[in-house]
Amino acid sequence: LAAEAKTLGLEPYVKHLHSLNTAF
């Protein structure tokens, strides 16, 4: 779903969510 995320400009959310979930 990377293409869809890019189309919607979700990359900052995805990056931040990955960082938070790693710390979690």
mmCIF file of all heavy atoms, coordinates in Angstrom:
data_MODEL
# 
_entry.id   MODEL 
# 
loop_
_atom_site.group_PDB 
_atom_site.id 
_atom_site.type_symbol 
_atom_site.label_atom_id 
_atom_site.label_alt_id 
_atom_site.label_comp_id 
_atom_site.label_asym_id 
_atom_site.label_entity_id 
_atom_site.label_seq_id 
_atom_site.pdbx_PDB_ins_code 
_atom_site.Cartn_x 
_atom_site.Cartn_y 
_atom_site.Cartn_z 
_atom_site.occupancy 
_atom_site.B_iso_or_equiv 
_atom_site.pdbx_formal_charge 
_atom_site.auth_seq_id 
_atom_site.auth_comp_id 
_atom_site.auth_asym_id 
_atom_site.auth_atom_id 
_atom_site.pdbx_PDB_model_num 
ATOM 1   N N   . LEU A 1 1  ? 0.820  -1.210 0.000  1.00 0.00 ? 1  LEU A N   1 
ATOM 2   C CA  . LEU A 1 1  ? 0.000  0.000  0.000  1.00 0.00 ? 1  LEU A CA  1 
ATOM 3   C C   . LEU A 1 1  ? 0.862  1.271  0.000  1.00 0.00 ? 1  LEU A C   1 
ATOM 4   O O   . LEU A 1 1  ? 0.361  2.361  0.274  1.00 0.00 ? 1  LEU A O   1 
ATOM 5   C CB  . LEU A 1 1  ? -0.927 0.012  1.230  1.00 0.00 ? 1  LEU A CB  1 
ATOM 6   C CG  . LEU A 1 1  ? -2.029 -1.055 1.232  1.00 0.00 ? 1  LEU A CG  1 
ATOM 7   C CD1 . LEU A 1 1  ? -2.783 -1.025 2.560  1.00 0.00 ? 1  LEU A CD1 1 
ATOM 8   C CD2 . LEU A 1 1  ? -3.004 -0.838 0.076  1.00 0.00 ? 1  LEU A CD2 1 
ATOM 9   N N   . ALA A 1 2  ? 2.145  1.115  -0.310 1.00 0.00 ? 2  ALA A N   1 
ATOM 10  C CA  . ALA A 1 2  ? 3.053  2.270  -0.308 1.00 0.00 ? 2  ALA A CA  1 
ATOM 11  C C   . ALA A 1 2  ? 2.645  3.315  -1.339 1.00 0.00 ? 2  ALA A C   1 
ATOM 12  O O   . ALA A 1 2  ? 2.729  4.530  -1.079 1.00 0.00 ? 2  ALA A O   1 
ATOM 13  C CB  . ALA A 1 2  ? 4.484  1.804  -0.572 1.00 0.00 ? 2  ALA A CB  1 
ATOM 14  N N   . ALA A 1 3  ? 2.186  2.865  -2.515 1.00 0.00 ? 3  ALA A N   1 
ATOM 15  C CA  . ALA A 1 3  ? 1.785  3.816  -3.560 1.00 0.00 ? 3  ALA A CA  1 
ATOM 16  C C   . ALA A 1 3  ? 0.587  4.636  -3.103 1.00 0.00 ? 3  ALA A C   1 
ATOM 17  O O   . ALA A 1 3  ? 0.522  5.853  -3.327 1.00 0.00 ? 3  ALA A O   1 
ATOM 18  C CB  . ALA A 1 3  ? 1.464  3.064  -4.856 1.00 0.00 ? 3  ALA A CB  1 
ATOM 19  N N   . GLU A 1 4  ? -0.366 3.988  -2.485 1.00 0.00 ? 4  GLU A N   1 
ATOM 20  C CA  . GLU A 1 4  ? -1.553 4.695  -1.987 1.00 0.00 ? 4  GLU A CA  1 
ATOM 21  C C   . GLU A 1 4  ? -1.163 5.701  -0.899 1.00 0.00 ? 4  GLU A C   1 
ATOM 22  O O   . GLU A 1 4  ? -1.691 6.826  -0.856 1.00 0.00 ? 4  GLU A O   1 
ATOM 23  C CB  . GLU A 1 4  ? -2.573 3.706  -1.439 1.00 0.00 ? 4  GLU A CB  1 
ATOM 24  C CG  . GLU A 1 4  ? -3.372 2.954  -2.497 1.00 0.00 ? 4  GLU A CG  1 
ATOM 25  C CD  . GLU A 1 4  ? -2.570 1.825  -3.150 1.00 0.00 ? 4  GLU A CD  1 
ATOM 26  O OE1 . GLU A 1 4  ? -1.418 1.567  -2.713 1.00 0.00 ? 4  GLU A OE1 1 
ATOM 27  O OE2 . GLU A 1 4  ? -3.098 1.185  -4.067 1.00 0.00 ? 4  GLU A OE2 1 
ATOM 28  N N   . ALA A 1 5  ? -0.238 5.292  -0.010 1.00 0.00 ? 5  ALA A N   1 
ATOM 29  C CA  . ALA A 1 5  ? 0.209  6.201  1.049  1.00 0.00 ? 5  ALA A CA  1 
ATOM 30  C C   . ALA A 1 5  ? 0.879  7.429  0.455  1.00 0.00 ? 5  ALA A C   1 
ATOM 31  O O   . ALA A 1 5  ? 0.672  8.560  0.918  1.00 0.00 ? 5  ALA A O   1 
ATOM 32  C CB  . ALA A 1 5  ? 1.161  5.465  1.997  1.00 0.00 ? 5  ALA A CB  1 
ATOM 33  N N   . LYS A 1 6  ? 1.666  7.226  -0.586 1.00 0.00 ? 6  LYS A N   1 
ATOM 34  C CA  . LYS A 1 6  ? 2.348  8.339  -1.234 1.00 0.00 ? 6  LYS A CA  1 
ATOM 35  C C   . LYS A 1 6  ? 1.356  9.266  -1.924 1.00 0.00 ? 6  LYS A C   1 
ATOM 36  O O   . LYS A 1 6  ? 1.479  10.498 -1.862 1.00 0.00 ? 6  LYS A O   1 
ATOM 37  C CB  . LYS A 1 6  ? 3.367  7.815  -2.239 1.00 0.00 ? 6  LYS A CB  1 
ATOM 38  C CG  . LYS A 1 6  ? 4.211  8.900  -2.881 1.00 0.00 ? 6  LYS A CG  1 
ATOM 39  C CD  . LYS A 1 6  ? 5.291  8.306  -3.780 1.00 0.00 ? 6  LYS A CD  1 
ATOM 40  C CE  . LYS A 1 6  ? 6.161  9.412  -4.371 1.00 0.00 ? 6  LYS A CE  1 
ATOM 41  N NZ  . LYS A 1 6  ? 7.247  8.861  -5.230 1.00 0.00 ? 6  LYS A NZ  1 
ATOM 42  N N   . THR A 1 7  ? 0.363  8.683  -2.572 1.00 0.00 ? 7  THR A N   1 
ATOM 43  C CA  . THR A 1 7  ? -0.663 9.484  -3.246 1.00 0.00 ? 7  THR A CA  1 
ATOM 44  C C   . THR A 1 7  ? -1.377 10.397 -2.264 1.00 0.00 ? 7  THR A C   1 
ATOM 45  O O   . THR A 1 7  ? -1.696 11.558 -2.587 1.00 0.00 ? 7  THR A O   1 
ATOM 46  C CB  . THR A 1 7  ? -1.694 8.558  -3.931 1.00 0.00 ? 7  THR A CB  1 
ATOM 47  O OG1 . THR A 1 7  ? -1.033 7.774  -4.936 1.00 0.00 ? 7  THR A OG1 1 
ATOM 48  C CG2 . THR A 1 7  ? -2.825 9.356  -4.565 1.00 0.00 ? 7  THR A CG2 1 
ATOM 49  N N   . LEU A 1 8  ? -1.607 9.909  -1.063 1.00 0.00 ? 8  LEU A N   1 
ATOM 50  C CA  . LEU A 1 8  ? -2.337 10.676 -0.045 1.00 0.00 ? 8  LEU A CA  1 
ATOM 51  C C   . LEU A 1 8  ? -1.406 11.525 0.828  1.00 0.00 ? 8  LEU A C   1 
ATOM 52  O O   . LEU A 1 8  ? -1.875 12.242 1.704  1.00 0.00 ? 8  LEU A O   1 
ATOM 53  C CB  . LEU A 1 8  ? -3.143 9.731  0.841  1.00 0.00 ? 8  LEU A CB  1 
ATOM 54  C CG  . LEU A 1 8  ? -4.295 8.995  0.162  1.00 0.00 ? 8  LEU A CG  1 
ATOM 55  C CD1 . LEU A 1 8  ? -4.886 7.950  1.082  1.00 0.00 ? 8  LEU A CD1 1 
ATOM 56  C CD2 . LEU A 1 8  ? -5.375 9.981  -0.282 1.00 0.00 ? 8  LEU A CD2 1 
ATOM 57  N N   . GLY A 1 9  ? -0.101 11.425 0.596  1.00 0.00 ? 9  GLY A N   1 
ATOM 58  C CA  . GLY A 1 9  ? 0.844  12.193 1.403  1.00 0.00 ? 9  GLY A CA  1 
ATOM 59  C C   . GLY A 1 9  ? 0.918  11.723 2.846  1.00 0.00 ? 9  GLY A C   1 
ATOM 60  O O   . GLY A 1 9  ? 1.104  12.532 3.771  1.00 0.00 ? 9  GLY A O   1 
ATOM 61  N N   . LEU A 1 10 ? 0.810  10.406 3.042  1.00 0.00 ? 10 LEU A N   1 
ATOM 62  C CA  . LEU A 1 10 ? 0.797  9.861  4.393  1.00 0.00 ? 10 LEU A CA  1 
ATOM 63  C C   . LEU A 1 10 ? 2.190  9.519  4.931  1.00 0.00 ? 10 LEU A C   1 
ATOM 64  O O   . LEU A 1 10 ? 2.318  9.035  6.055  1.00 0.00 ? 10 LEU A O   1 
ATOM 65  C CB  . LEU A 1 10 ? -0.070 8.594  4.446  1.00 0.00 ? 10 LEU A CB  1 
ATOM 66  C CG  . LEU A 1 10 ? -1.546 8.738  4.063  1.00 0.00 ? 10 LEU A CG  1 
ATOM 67  C CD1 . LEU A 1 10 ? -2.253 7.394  4.196  1.00 0.00 ? 10 LEU A CD1 1 
ATOM 68  C CD2 . LEU A 1 10 ? -2.231 9.792  4.921  1.00 0.00 ? 10 LEU A CD2 1 
ATOM 69  N N   . GLU A 1 11 ? 3.224  9.774  4.121  1.00 0.00 ? 11 GLU A N   1 
ATOM 70  C CA  . GLU A 1 11 ? 4.571  9.363  4.538  1.00 0.00 ? 11 GLU A CA  1 
ATOM 71  C C   . GLU A 1 11 ? 4.972  9.895  5.920  1.00 0.00 ? 11 GLU A C   1 
ATOM 72  O O   . GLU A 1 11 ? 5.528  9.140  6.732  1.00 0.00 ? 11 GLU A O   1 
ATOM 73  C CB  . GLU A 1 11 ? 5.626  9.795  3.509  1.00 0.00 ? 11 GLU A CB  1 
ATOM 74  C CG  . GLU A 1 11 ? 5.509  9.098  2.164  1.00 0.00 ? 11 GLU A CG  1 
ATOM 75  C CD  . GLU A 1 11 ? 4.787  9.965  1.144  1.00 0.00 ? 11 GLU A CD  1 
ATOM 76  O OE1 . GLU A 1 11 ? 3.872  10.717 1.555  1.00 0.00 ? 11 GLU A OE1 1 
ATOM 77  O OE2 . GLU A 1 11 ? 5.145  9.901  -0.042 1.00 0.00 ? 11 GLU A OE2 1 
ATOM 78  N N   . PRO A 1 12 ? 4.695  11.173 6.269  1.00 0.00 ? 12 PRO A N   1 
ATOM 79  C CA  . PRO A 1 12 ? 5.082  11.658 7.609  1.00 0.00 ? 12 PRO A CA  1 
ATOM 80  C C   . PRO A 1 12 ? 4.373  10.885 8.728  1.00 0.00 ? 12 PRO A C   1 
ATOM 81  O O   . PRO A 1 12 ? 4.976  10.600 9.763  1.00 0.00 ? 12 PRO A O   1 
ATOM 82  C CB  . PRO A 1 12 ? 4.657  13.132 7.593  1.00 0.00 ? 12 PRO A CB  1 
ATOM 83  C CG  . PRO A 1 12 ? 4.633  13.495 6.143  1.00 0.00 ? 12 PRO A CG  1 
ATOM 84  C CD  . PRO A 1 12 ? 4.164  12.263 5.429  1.00 0.00 ? 12 PRO A CD  1 
ATOM 85  N N   . TYR A 1 13 ? 3.093  10.559 8.495  1.00 0.00 ? 13 TYR A N   1 
ATOM 86  C CA  . TYR A 1 13 ? 2.364  9.782  9.495  1.00 0.00 ? 13 TYR A CA  1 
ATOM 87  C C   . TYR A 1 13 ? 2.978  8.391  9.663  1.00 0.00 ? 13 TYR A C   1 
ATOM 88  O O   . TYR A 1 13 ? 3.165  7.902  10.778 1.00 0.00 ? 13 TYR A O   1 
ATOM 89  C CB  . TYR A 1 13 ? 0.892  9.614  9.083  1.00 0.00 ? 13 TYR A CB  1 
ATOM 90  C CG  . TYR A 1 13 ? 0.092  10.883 9.058  1.00 0.00 ? 13 TYR A CG  1 
ATOM 91  C CD1 . TYR A 1 13 ? -0.219 11.513 7.859  1.00 0.00 ? 13 TYR A CD1 1 
ATOM 92  C CD2 . TYR A 1 13 ? -0.397 11.433 10.238 1.00 0.00 ? 13 TYR A CD2 1 
ATOM 93  C CE1 . TYR A 1 13 ? -0.975 12.666 7.826  1.00 0.00 ? 13 TYR A CE1 1 
ATOM 94  C CE2 . TYR A 1 13 ? -1.162 12.589 10.223 1.00 0.00 ? 13 TYR A CE2 1 
ATOM 95  C CZ  . TYR A 1 13 ? -1.457 13.209 9.008  1.00 0.00 ? 13 TYR A CZ  1 
ATOM 96  O OH  . TYR A 1 13 ? -2.211 14.348 8.996  1.00 0.00 ? 13 TYR A OH  1 
ATOM 97  N N   . VAL A 1 14 ? 3.272  7.765  8.521  1.00 0.00 ? 14 VAL A N   1 
ATOM 98  C CA  . VAL A 1 14 ? 3.812  6.404  8.550  1.00 0.00 ? 14 VAL A CA  1 
ATOM 99  C C   . VAL A 1 14 ? 5.164  6.374  9.246  1.00 0.00 ? 14 VAL A C   1 
ATOM 100 O O   . VAL A 1 14 ? 5.434  5.500  10.082 1.00 0.00 ? 14 VAL A O   1 
ATOM 101 C CB  . VAL A 1 14 ? 3.928  5.834  7.115  1.00 0.00 ? 14 VAL A CB  1 
ATOM 102 C CG1 . VAL A 1 14 ? 4.592  4.459  7.151  1.00 0.00 ? 14 VAL A CG1 1 
ATOM 103 C CG2 . VAL A 1 14 ? 2.558  5.751  6.457  1.00 0.00 ? 14 VAL A CG2 1 
ATOM 104 N N   . LYS A 1 15 ? 6.007  7.352  8.928  1.00 0.00 ? 15 LYS A N   1 
ATOM 105 C CA  . LYS A 1 15 ? 7.334  7.414  9.540  1.00 0.00 ? 15 LYS A CA  1 
ATOM 106 C C   . LYS A 1 15 ? 7.228  7.617  11.052 1.00 0.00 ? 15 LYS A C   1 
ATOM 107 O O   . LYS A 1 15 ? 7.910  6.951  11.847 1.00 0.00 ? 15 LYS A O   1 
ATOM 108 C CB  . LYS A 1 15 ? 8.142  8.545  8.908  1.00 0.00 ? 15 LYS A CB  1 
ATOM 109 C CG  . LYS A 1 15 ? 9.574  8.632  9.417  1.00 0.00 ? 15 LYS A CG  1 
ATOM 110 C CD  . LYS A 1 15 ? 10.334 9.739  8.682  1.00 0.00 ? 15 LYS A CD  1 
ATOM 111 C CE  . LYS A 1 15 ? 11.770 9.834  9.193  1.00 0.00 ? 15 LYS A CE  1 
ATOM 112 N NZ  . LYS A 1 15 ? 12.535 10.910 8.496  1.00 0.00 ? 15 LYS A NZ  1 
ATOM 113 N N   . HIS A 1 16 ? 6.359  8.552  11.444 1.00 0.00 ? 16 HIS A N   1 
ATOM 114 C CA  . HIS A 1 16 ? 6.191  8.836  12.880 1.00 0.00 ? 16 HIS A CA  1 
ATOM 115 C C   . HIS A 1 16 ? 5.578  7.644  13.605 1.00 0.00 ? 16 HIS A C   1 
ATOM 116 O O   . HIS A 1 16 ? 5.988  7.304  14.722 1.00 0.00 ? 16 HIS A O   1 
ATOM 117 C CB  . HIS A 1 16 ? 5.322  10.077 13.052 1.00 0.00 ? 16 HIS A CB  1 
ATOM 118 C CG  . HIS A 1 16 ? 5.259  10.583 14.460 1.00 0.00 ? 16 HIS A CG  1 
ATOM 119 N ND1 . HIS A 1 16 ? 6.377  10.786 15.240 1.00 0.00 ? 16 HIS A ND1 1 
ATOM 120 C CD2 . HIS A 1 16 ? 4.181  10.901 15.251 1.00 0.00 ? 16 HIS A CD2 1 
ATOM 121 C CE1 . HIS A 1 16 ? 6.011  11.227 16.429 1.00 0.00 ? 16 HIS A CE1 1 
ATOM 122 N NE2 . HIS A 1 16 ? 4.689  11.299 16.461 1.00 0.00 ? 16 HIS A NE2 1 
ATOM 123 N N   . LEU A 1 17 ? 4.613  6.997  12.961 1.00 0.00 ? 17 LEU A N   1 
ATOM 124 C CA  . LEU A 1 17 ? 3.965  5.838  13.573 1.00 0.00 ? 17 LEU A CA  1 
ATOM 125 C C   . LEU A 1 17 ? 4.972  4.700  13.761 1.00 0.00 ? 17 LEU A C   1 
ATOM 126 O O   . LEU A 1 17 ? 4.961  4.012  14.782 1.00 0.00 ? 17 LEU A O   1 
ATOM 127 C CB  . LEU A 1 17 ? 2.799  5.391  12.689 1.00 0.00 ? 17 LEU A CB  1 
ATOM 128 C CG  . LEU A 1 17 ? 1.776  4.429  13.312 1.00 0.00 ? 17 LEU A CG  1 
ATOM 129 C CD1 . LEU A 1 17 ? 1.198  4.995  14.595 1.00 0.00 ? 17 LEU A CD1 1 
ATOM 130 C CD2 . LEU A 1 17 ? 0.659  4.149  12.307 1.00 0.00 ? 17 LEU A CD2 1 
ATOM 131 N N   . HIS A 1 18 ? 5.847  4.525  12.796 1.00 0.00 ? 18 HIS A N   1 
ATOM 132 C CA  . HIS A 1 18 ? 6.875  3.490  12.912 1.00 0.00 ? 18 HIS A CA  1 
ATOM 133 C C   . HIS A 1 18 ? 7.803  3.786  14.092 1.00 0.00 ? 18 HIS A C   1 
ATOM 134 O O   . HIS A 1 18 ? 8.119  2.881  14.892 1.00 0.00 ? 18 HIS A O   1 
ATOM 135 C CB  . HIS A 1 18 ? 7.700  3.429  11.623 1.00 0.00 ? 18 HIS A CB  1 
ATOM 136 C CG  . HIS A 1 18 ? 8.897  2.522  11.730 1.00 0.00 ? 18 HIS A CG  1 
ATOM 137 N ND1 . HIS A 1 18 ? 8.795  1.159  11.863 1.00 0.00 ? 18 HIS A ND1 1 
ATOM 138 C CD2 . HIS A 1 18 ? 10.233 2.809  11.746 1.00 0.00 ? 18 HIS A CD2 1 
ATOM 139 C CE1 . HIS A 1 18 ? 10.002 0.634  11.949 1.00 0.00 ? 18 HIS A CE1 1 
ATOM 140 N NE2 . HIS A 1 18 ? 10.889 1.613  11.883 1.00 0.00 ? 18 HIS A NE2 1 
ATOM 141 N N   . SER A 1 19 ? 8.206  5.046  14.230 1.00 0.00 ? 19 SER A N   1 
ATOM 142 C CA  . SER A 1 19 ? 9.084  5.430  15.335 1.00 0.00 ? 19 SER A CA  1 
ATOM 143 C C   . SER A 1 19 ? 8.409  5.207  16.686 1.00 0.00 ? 19 SER A C   1 
ATOM 144 O O   . SER A 1 19 ? 8.998  4.652  17.619 1.00 0.00 ? 19 SER A O   1 
ATOM 145 C CB  . SER A 1 19 ? 9.487  6.898  15.185 1.00 0.00 ? 19 SER A CB  1 
ATOM 146 O OG  . SER A 1 19 ? 10.262 7.326  16.275 1.00 0.00 ? 19 SER A OG  1 
ATOM 147 N N   . LEU A 1 20 ? 7.149  5.644  16.779 1.00 0.00 ? 20 LEU A N   1 
ATOM 148 C CA  . LEU A 1 20 ? 6.417  5.484  18.038 1.00 0.00 ? 20 LEU A CA  1 
ATOM 149 C C   . LEU A 1 20 ? 6.202  4.016  18.379 1.00 0.00 ? 20 LEU A C   1 
ATOM 150 O O   . LEU A 1 20 ? 6.374  3.598  19.533 1.00 0.00 ? 20 LEU A O   1 
ATOM 151 C CB  . LEU A 1 20 ? 5.058  6.185  17.944 1.00 0.00 ? 20 LEU A CB  1 
ATOM 152 C CG  . LEU A 1 20 ? 5.057  7.712  17.928 1.00 0.00 ? 20 LEU A CG  1 
ATOM 153 C CD1 . LEU A 1 20 ? 3.647  8.228  17.702 1.00 0.00 ? 20 LEU A CD1 1 
ATOM 154 C CD2 . LEU A 1 20 ? 5.613  8.256  19.243 1.00 0.00 ? 20 LEU A CD2 1 
ATOM 155 N N   . ASN A 1 21 ? 5.826  3.224  17.389 1.00 0.00 ? 21 ASN A N   1 
ATOM 156 C CA  . ASN A 1 21 ? 5.532  1.819  17.653 1.00 0.00 ? 21 ASN A CA  1 
ATOM 157 C C   . ASN A 1 21 ? 6.793  1.043  18.033 1.00 0.00 ? 21 ASN A C   1 
ATOM 158 O O   . ASN A 1 21 ? 6.742  0.096  18.828 1.00 0.00 ? 21 ASN A O   1 
ATOM 159 C CB  . ASN A 1 21 ? 4.868  1.181  16.431 1.00 0.00 ? 21 ASN A CB  1 
ATOM 160 C CG  . ASN A 1 21 ? 4.088  -0.059 16.792 1.00 0.00 ? 21 ASN A CG  1 
ATOM 161 O OD1 . ASN A 1 21 ? 3.297  -0.053 17.740 1.00 0.00 ? 21 ASN A OD1 1 
ATOM 162 N ND2 . ASN A 1 21 ? 4.288  -1.142 16.065 1.00 0.00 ? 21 ASN A ND2 1 
ATOM 163 N N   . THR A 1 22 ? 7.930  1.454  17.491 1.00 0.00 ? 22 THR A N   1 
ATOM 164 C CA  . THR A 1 22 ? 9.198  0.833  17.873 1.00 0.00 ? 22 THR A CA  1 
ATOM 165 C C   . THR A 1 22 ? 9.504  1.113  19.337 1.00 0.00 ? 22 THR A C   1 
ATOM 166 O O   . THR A 1 22 ? 9.902  0.225  20.097 1.00 0.00 ? 22 THR A O   1 
ATOM 167 C CB  . THR A 1 22 ? 10.340 1.349  16.984 1.00 0.00 ? 22 THR A CB  1 
ATOM 168 O OG1 . THR A 1 22 ? 10.064 1.018  15.620 1.00 0.00 ? 22 THR A OG1 1 
ATOM 169 C CG2 . THR A 1 22 ? 11.665 0.727  17.391 1.00 0.00 ? 22 THR A CG2 1 
ATOM 170 N N   . ALA A 1 23 ? 9.304  2.368  19.743 1.00 0.00 ? 23 ALA A N   1 
ATOM 171 C CA  . ALA A 1 23 ? 9.522  2.730  21.142 1.00 0.00 ? 23 ALA A CA  1 
ATOM 172 C C   . ALA A 1 23 ? 8.508  2.030  22.054 1.00 0.00 ? 23 ALA A C   1 
ATOM 173 O O   . ALA A 1 23 ? 8.837  1.614  23.172 1.00 0.00 ? 23 ALA A O   1 
ATOM 174 C CB  . ALA A 1 23 ? 9.419  4.245  21.314 1.00 0.00 ? 23 ALA A CB  1 
ATOM 175 N N   . PHE A 1 24 ? 7.279  1.900  21.561 1.00 0.00 ? 24 PHE A N   1 
ATOM 176 C CA  . PHE A 1 24 ? 6.233  1.196  22.307 1.00 0.00 ? 24 PHE A CA  1 
ATOM 177 C C   . PHE A 1 24 ? 6.651  -0.252 22.544 1.00 0.00 ? 24 PHE A C   1 
ATOM 178 O O   . PHE A 1 24 ? 6.543  -0.789 23.654 1.00 0.00 ? 24 PHE A O   1 
ATOM 179 C CB  . PHE A 1 24 ? 4.930  1.273  21.513 1.00 0.00 ? 24 PHE A CB  1 
ATOM 180 C CG  . PHE A 1 24 ? 3.724  0.740  22.219 1.00 0.00 ? 24 PHE A CG  1 
ATOM 181 C CD1 . PHE A 1 24 ? 3.590  0.802  23.592 1.00 0.00 ? 24 PHE A CD1 1 
ATOM 182 C CD2 . PHE A 1 24 ? 2.674  0.176  21.482 1.00 0.00 ? 24 PHE A CD2 1 
ATOM 183 C CE1 . PHE A 1 24 ? 2.449  0.316  24.233 1.00 0.00 ? 24 PHE A CE1 1 
ATOM 184 C CE2 . PHE A 1 24 ? 1.546  -0.311 22.102 1.00 0.00 ? 24 PHE A CE2 1 
ATOM 185 C CZ  . PHE A 1 24 ? 1.433  -0.232 23.482 1.00 0.00 ? 24 PHE A CZ  1 
# 
